[in-house]
Amino acid sequence: DTAKQWRVPGHKGTVGFITSMSDHFCGGCNRLRLMADGNFKVCLFGEAEVNLKQMIAEGASDLMLEGIIREAVSKKHYSHGGHADMYAISQGNNRSMIRIGG
């Protein structure tokens, strides 16, 4: 699970926190993101993106797209998009979730 859930006694529902900095789950993350602009990301913290929209427009076959996606996934870093810590992430050129429609 990405979120740690807590229930407050006497109240309905739960509250959850995603602790991706202090207790990352990157090594077990299987999430991929296809963004509205046609770019594909394997990590929200990583800067790497693959422009699938352009490849499709250029006539890439399903088999070619599968290979491109597999290659991108195989280059996924163990944690935080290959950055050492949150400070290194903040200095990079990554598009934040608000900019990618997340």
N, C-alpha and C. Protein backbone atom coordinates (compact mmCIF):
# COMPACT_ATOMS: atom_id res chain seq x y z
N ASP A 1 0.83 -1.19 0.00
CA ASP A 1 0.00 0.00 0.00
C ASP A 1 0.87 1.25 0.00
N THR A 2 0.45 2.24 -0.72
CA THR A 2 1.20 3.49 -0.75
C THR A 2 0.87 4.38 0.44
N ALA A 3 -0.34 4.31 0.95
CA ALA A 3 -0.75 5.17 2.06
C ALA A 3 -0.80 4.37 3.36
N LYS A 4 -0.40 5.03 4.43
CA LYS A 4 -0.54 4.46 5.76
C LYS A 4 -1.81 5.04 6.35
N GLN A 5 -2.76 4.17 6.69
CA GLN A 5 -4.09 4.59 7.12
C GLN A 5 -4.22 4.51 8.65
N TRP A 6 -4.89 5.51 9.21
CA TRP A 6 -5.22 5.52 10.63
C TRP A 6 -6.70 5.80 10.80
N ARG A 7 -7.26 5.18 11.82
CA ARG A 7 -8.65 5.40 12.17
C ARG A 7 -8.67 6.10 13.54
N VAL A 8 -9.43 7.16 13.62
CA VAL A 8 -9.56 7.90 14.88
C VAL A 8 -10.75 7.31 15.62
N PRO A 9 -10.53 6.79 16.83
CA PRO A 9 -11.62 6.18 17.59
C PRO A 9 -12.79 7.16 17.76
N GLY A 10 -13.99 6.66 17.51
CA GLY A 10 -15.19 7.47 17.66
C GLY A 10 -15.55 8.28 16.43
N HIS A 11 -14.77 8.17 15.38
CA HIS A 11 -15.03 8.93 14.15
C HIS A 11 -15.12 7.98 12.96
N LYS A 12 -15.87 8.39 11.96
CA LYS A 12 -16.01 7.60 10.74
C LYS A 12 -14.81 7.85 9.83
N GLY A 13 -14.50 6.86 9.04
CA GLY A 13 -13.46 7.02 8.03
C GLY A 13 -12.05 6.87 8.57
N THR A 14 -11.11 7.12 7.69
CA THR A 14 -9.70 7.03 8.04
C THR A 14 -8.97 8.24 7.48
N VAL A 15 -7.77 8.43 7.97
CA VAL A 15 -6.89 9.45 7.41
C VAL A 15 -5.63 8.71 6.96
N GLY A 16 -5.12 9.08 5.81
CA GLY A 16 -3.96 8.39 5.28
C GLY A 16 -2.85 9.36 4.89
N PHE A 17 -1.63 8.88 5.02
CA PHE A 17 -0.46 9.66 4.63
C PHE A 17 0.39 8.83 3.68
N ILE A 18 0.87 9.47 2.64
CA ILE A 18 1.81 8.84 1.73
C ILE A 18 3.18 9.35 2.10
N THR A 19 4.01 8.49 2.68
CA THR A 19 5.30 8.89 3.22
C THR A 19 6.43 8.54 2.26
N SER A 20 6.32 9.02 1.05
CA SER A 20 7.27 8.63 0.01
C SER A 20 8.68 9.14 0.25
N MET A 21 8.85 10.13 1.07
CA MET A 21 10.20 10.64 1.36
C MET A 21 10.82 9.91 2.55
N SER A 22 10.12 9.85 3.66
CA SER A 22 10.69 9.29 4.88
C SER A 22 10.68 7.76 4.91
N ASP A 23 9.77 7.14 4.20
CA ASP A 23 9.65 5.69 4.20
C ASP A 23 9.23 5.25 2.80
N HIS A 24 10.16 5.41 1.86
CA HIS A 24 9.78 5.18 0.47
C HIS A 24 9.43 3.72 0.20
N PHE A 25 8.60 3.55 -0.80
CA PHE A 25 8.13 2.23 -1.21
C PHE A 25 8.53 1.97 -2.66
N CYS A 26 9.49 2.73 -3.13
CA CYS A 26 9.87 2.73 -4.55
C CYS A 26 10.23 1.34 -5.07
N GLY A 27 10.99 0.58 -4.28
CA GLY A 27 11.45 -0.73 -4.74
C GLY A 27 10.31 -1.68 -5.09
N GLY A 28 9.16 -1.50 -4.48
CA GLY A 28 8.01 -2.36 -4.75
C GLY A 28 6.93 -1.67 -5.57
N CYS A 29 7.21 -0.45 -6.02
CA CYS A 29 6.19 0.31 -6.76
C CYS A 29 6.01 -0.26 -8.16
N ASN A 30 4.77 -0.49 -8.55
CA ASN A 30 4.48 -0.99 -9.89
C ASN A 30 3.61 0.00 -10.66
N ARG A 31 3.63 1.25 -10.25
CA ARG A 31 2.78 2.26 -10.87
C ARG A 31 3.48 2.91 -12.05
N LEU A 32 2.71 3.09 -13.09
CA LEU A 32 3.16 3.77 -14.30
C LEU A 32 2.15 4.86 -14.61
N ARG A 33 2.57 5.89 -15.32
CA ARG A 33 1.65 6.99 -15.60
C ARG A 33 1.72 7.37 -17.07
N LEU A 34 0.57 7.30 -17.75
CA LEU A 34 0.42 7.82 -19.10
C LEU A 34 -0.30 9.14 -18.95
N MET A 35 0.38 10.21 -19.31
CA MET A 35 -0.14 11.55 -19.05
C MET A 35 -0.99 12.05 -20.23
N ALA A 36 -1.76 13.08 -19.97
CA ALA A 36 -2.69 13.62 -20.97
C ALA A 36 -1.98 14.10 -22.22
N ASP A 37 -0.70 14.50 -22.10
CA ASP A 37 0.03 14.98 -23.28
C ASP A 37 0.67 13.85 -24.08
N GLY A 38 0.44 12.61 -23.67
CA GLY A 38 0.96 11.46 -24.40
C GLY A 38 2.32 10.97 -23.92
N ASN A 39 2.87 11.63 -22.90
CA ASN A 39 4.14 11.18 -22.35
C ASN A 39 3.89 10.09 -21.31
N PHE A 40 4.88 9.23 -21.18
CA PHE A 40 4.82 8.07 -20.29
C PHE A 40 5.92 8.21 -19.25
N LYS A 41 5.56 8.05 -17.97
CA LYS A 41 6.52 8.13 -16.87
C LYS A 41 6.46 6.85 -16.05
N VAL A 42 7.64 6.38 -15.63
CA VAL A 42 7.68 5.21 -14.76
C VAL A 42 7.84 5.59 -13.30
N CYS A 43 8.12 6.89 -13.02
CA CYS A 43 8.30 7.34 -11.64
C CYS A 43 7.90 8.80 -11.54
N LEU A 44 7.07 9.14 -10.57
CA LEU A 44 6.67 10.52 -10.39
C LEU A 44 7.82 11.42 -9.96
N PHE A 45 8.86 10.85 -9.36
CA PHE A 45 10.01 11.63 -8.94
C PHE A 45 11.07 11.73 -10.05
N GLY A 46 10.98 10.87 -11.04
CA GLY A 46 11.97 10.85 -12.10
C GLY A 46 11.68 11.88 -13.18
N GLU A 47 12.74 12.31 -13.83
CA GLU A 47 12.61 13.29 -14.90
C GLU A 47 12.35 12.64 -16.26
N ALA A 48 12.68 11.36 -16.38
CA ALA A 48 12.57 10.67 -17.67
C ALA A 48 11.11 10.51 -18.10
N GLU A 49 10.86 10.84 -19.35
CA GLU A 49 9.55 10.66 -19.96
C GLU A 49 9.75 10.13 -21.38
N VAL A 50 8.82 9.34 -21.82
CA VAL A 50 8.85 8.82 -23.19
C VAL A 50 7.61 9.35 -23.90
N ASN A 51 7.79 9.95 -25.06
CA ASN A 51 6.68 10.54 -25.80
C ASN A 51 6.01 9.47 -26.67
N LEU A 52 5.05 8.76 -26.09
CA LEU A 52 4.35 7.70 -26.82
C LEU A 52 3.43 8.28 -27.89
N LYS A 53 2.86 9.44 -27.63
CA LYS A 53 1.96 10.07 -28.60
C LYS A 53 2.68 10.30 -29.93
N GLN A 54 3.89 10.81 -29.85
CA GLN A 54 4.67 11.06 -31.06
C GLN A 54 5.00 9.76 -31.78
N MET A 55 5.35 8.73 -31.03
CA MET A 55 5.69 7.44 -31.63
C MET A 55 4.48 6.83 -32.32
N ILE A 56 3.32 6.97 -31.71
CA ILE A 56 2.09 6.47 -32.33
C ILE A 56 1.79 7.25 -33.60
N ALA A 57 1.95 8.57 -33.55
CA ALA A 57 1.72 9.41 -34.72
C ALA A 57 2.67 9.07 -35.86
N GLU A 58 3.88 8.61 -35.52
CA GLU A 58 4.87 8.23 -36.52
C GLU A 58 4.68 6.81 -37.01
N GLY A 59 3.65 6.13 -36.49
CA GLY A 59 3.31 4.80 -37.00
C GLY A 59 3.92 3.63 -36.26
N ALA A 60 4.36 3.82 -35.04
CA ALA A 60 4.93 2.72 -34.27
C ALA A 60 3.89 1.62 -34.09
N SER A 61 4.31 0.39 -34.29
CA SER A 61 3.41 -0.75 -34.13
C SER A 61 3.21 -1.05 -32.64
N ASP A 62 2.21 -1.87 -32.34
CA ASP A 62 1.98 -2.27 -30.96
C ASP A 62 3.21 -2.96 -30.39
N LEU A 63 3.87 -3.77 -31.21
CA LEU A 63 5.06 -4.49 -30.76
C LEU A 63 6.20 -3.51 -30.45
N MET A 64 6.36 -2.49 -31.27
CA MET A 64 7.38 -1.47 -31.04
C MET A 64 7.07 -0.71 -29.74
N LEU A 65 5.80 -0.34 -29.56
CA LEU A 65 5.41 0.38 -28.34
C LEU A 65 5.65 -0.47 -27.10
N GLU A 66 5.34 -1.75 -27.20
CA GLU A 66 5.59 -2.65 -26.07
C GLU A 66 7.07 -2.66 -25.72
N GLY A 67 7.92 -2.74 -26.72
CA GLY A 67 9.36 -2.74 -26.48
C GLY A 67 9.85 -1.45 -25.86
N ILE A 68 9.31 -0.32 -26.32
CA ILE A 68 9.69 0.99 -25.78
C ILE A 68 9.26 1.10 -24.32
N ILE A 69 8.05 0.64 -24.02
CA ILE A 69 7.55 0.68 -22.64
C ILE A 69 8.37 -0.24 -21.75
N ARG A 70 8.67 -1.43 -22.23
CA ARG A 70 9.49 -2.37 -21.44
C ARG A 70 10.87 -1.77 -21.14
N GLU A 71 11.46 -1.12 -22.15
CA GLU A 71 12.77 -0.51 -21.95
C GLU A 71 12.70 0.59 -20.88
N ALA A 72 11.66 1.42 -20.95
CA ALA A 72 11.50 2.50 -19.96
C ALA A 72 11.35 1.92 -18.56
N VAL A 73 10.54 0.87 -18.42
CA VAL A 73 10.33 0.25 -17.12
C VAL A 73 11.63 -0.37 -16.61
N SER A 74 12.42 -0.96 -17.50
CA SER A 74 13.67 -1.60 -17.07
C SER A 74 14.69 -0.58 -16.56
N LYS A 75 14.54 0.68 -16.92
CA LYS A 75 15.46 1.72 -16.48
C LYS A 75 14.98 2.44 -15.21
N LYS A 76 13.87 1.97 -14.66
CA LYS A 76 13.32 2.59 -13.45
C LYS A 76 14.31 2.45 -12.30
N HIS A 77 14.56 3.54 -11.60
CA HIS A 77 15.50 3.54 -10.47
C HIS A 77 14.87 2.91 -9.24
N TYR A 78 15.73 2.47 -8.31
CA TYR A 78 15.23 1.84 -7.09
C TYR A 78 14.46 2.82 -6.21
N SER A 79 14.91 4.06 -6.16
CA SER A 79 14.17 5.01 -5.32
C SER A 79 14.25 6.43 -5.85
N HIS A 80 13.16 7.13 -5.69
CA HIS A 80 13.05 8.57 -5.97
C HIS A 80 13.60 9.00 -7.32
N GLY A 81 13.34 8.21 -8.33
CA GLY A 81 13.75 8.58 -9.68
C GLY A 81 15.26 8.70 -9.84
N GLY A 82 16.01 8.03 -8.98
CA GLY A 82 17.47 8.08 -9.05
C GLY A 82 18.09 9.22 -8.27
N HIS A 83 17.28 10.03 -7.63
CA HIS A 83 17.79 11.15 -6.83
C HIS A 83 18.16 10.66 -5.44
N ALA A 84 19.16 11.31 -4.84
CA ALA A 84 19.64 10.89 -3.52
C ALA A 84 18.65 11.19 -2.40
N ASP A 85 17.95 12.32 -2.50
CA ASP A 85 17.03 12.71 -1.43
C ASP A 85 16.07 13.77 -1.95
N MET A 86 15.20 14.27 -1.07
CA MET A 86 14.18 15.24 -1.49
C MET A 86 14.80 16.55 -1.97
N TYR A 87 15.96 16.88 -1.46
CA TYR A 87 16.62 18.11 -1.89
C TYR A 87 17.11 17.99 -3.33
N ALA A 88 17.65 16.84 -3.67
CA ALA A 88 18.09 16.61 -5.04
C ALA A 88 16.89 16.59 -5.99
N ILE A 89 15.79 16.05 -5.54
CA ILE A 89 14.57 16.04 -6.36
C ILE A 89 14.14 17.48 -6.66
N SER A 90 14.20 18.34 -5.65
CA SER A 90 13.75 19.72 -5.82
C SER A 90 14.64 20.52 -6.77
N GLN A 91 15.87 20.07 -6.96
CA GLN A 91 16.79 20.77 -7.85
C GLN A 91 16.69 20.28 -9.29
N GLY A 92 15.96 19.20 -9.52
CA GLY A 92 15.85 18.63 -10.86
C GLY A 92 14.83 19.34 -11.73
N ASN A 93 14.61 18.79 -12.91
CA ASN A 93 13.68 19.35 -13.88
C ASN A 93 12.41 18.52 -14.02
N ASN A 94 12.05 17.79 -12.98
CA ASN A 94 10.87 16.94 -13.01
C ASN A 94 9.59 17.78 -13.08
N ARG A 95 8.63 17.32 -13.86
CA ARG A 95 7.32 17.99 -13.90
C ARG A 95 6.49 17.45 -12.73
N SER A 96 6.05 18.34 -11.87
CA SER A 96 5.29 17.93 -10.69
C SER A 96 3.91 17.41 -11.09
N MET A 97 3.26 16.74 -10.14
CA MET A 97 1.95 16.16 -10.40
C MET A 97 0.93 17.20 -10.88
N ILE A 98 1.00 18.40 -10.34
CA ILE A 98 0.05 19.43 -10.74
C ILE A 98 0.23 19.81 -12.22
N ARG A 99 1.46 19.63 -12.73
CA ARG A 99 1.74 19.97 -14.13
C ARG A 99 1.43 18.82 -15.09
N ILE A 100 1.29 17.61 -14.56
CA ILE A 100 1.03 16.47 -15.44
C ILE A 100 -0.40 15.94 -15.32
N GLY A 101 -1.19 16.57 -14.49
CA GLY A 101 -2.59 16.15 -14.36
C GLY A 101 -2.78 15.07 -13.32
N GLY A 102 -1.94 15.06 -12.28
CA GLY A 102 -2.01 14.01 -11.26
C GLY A 102 -2.81 14.39 -10.07
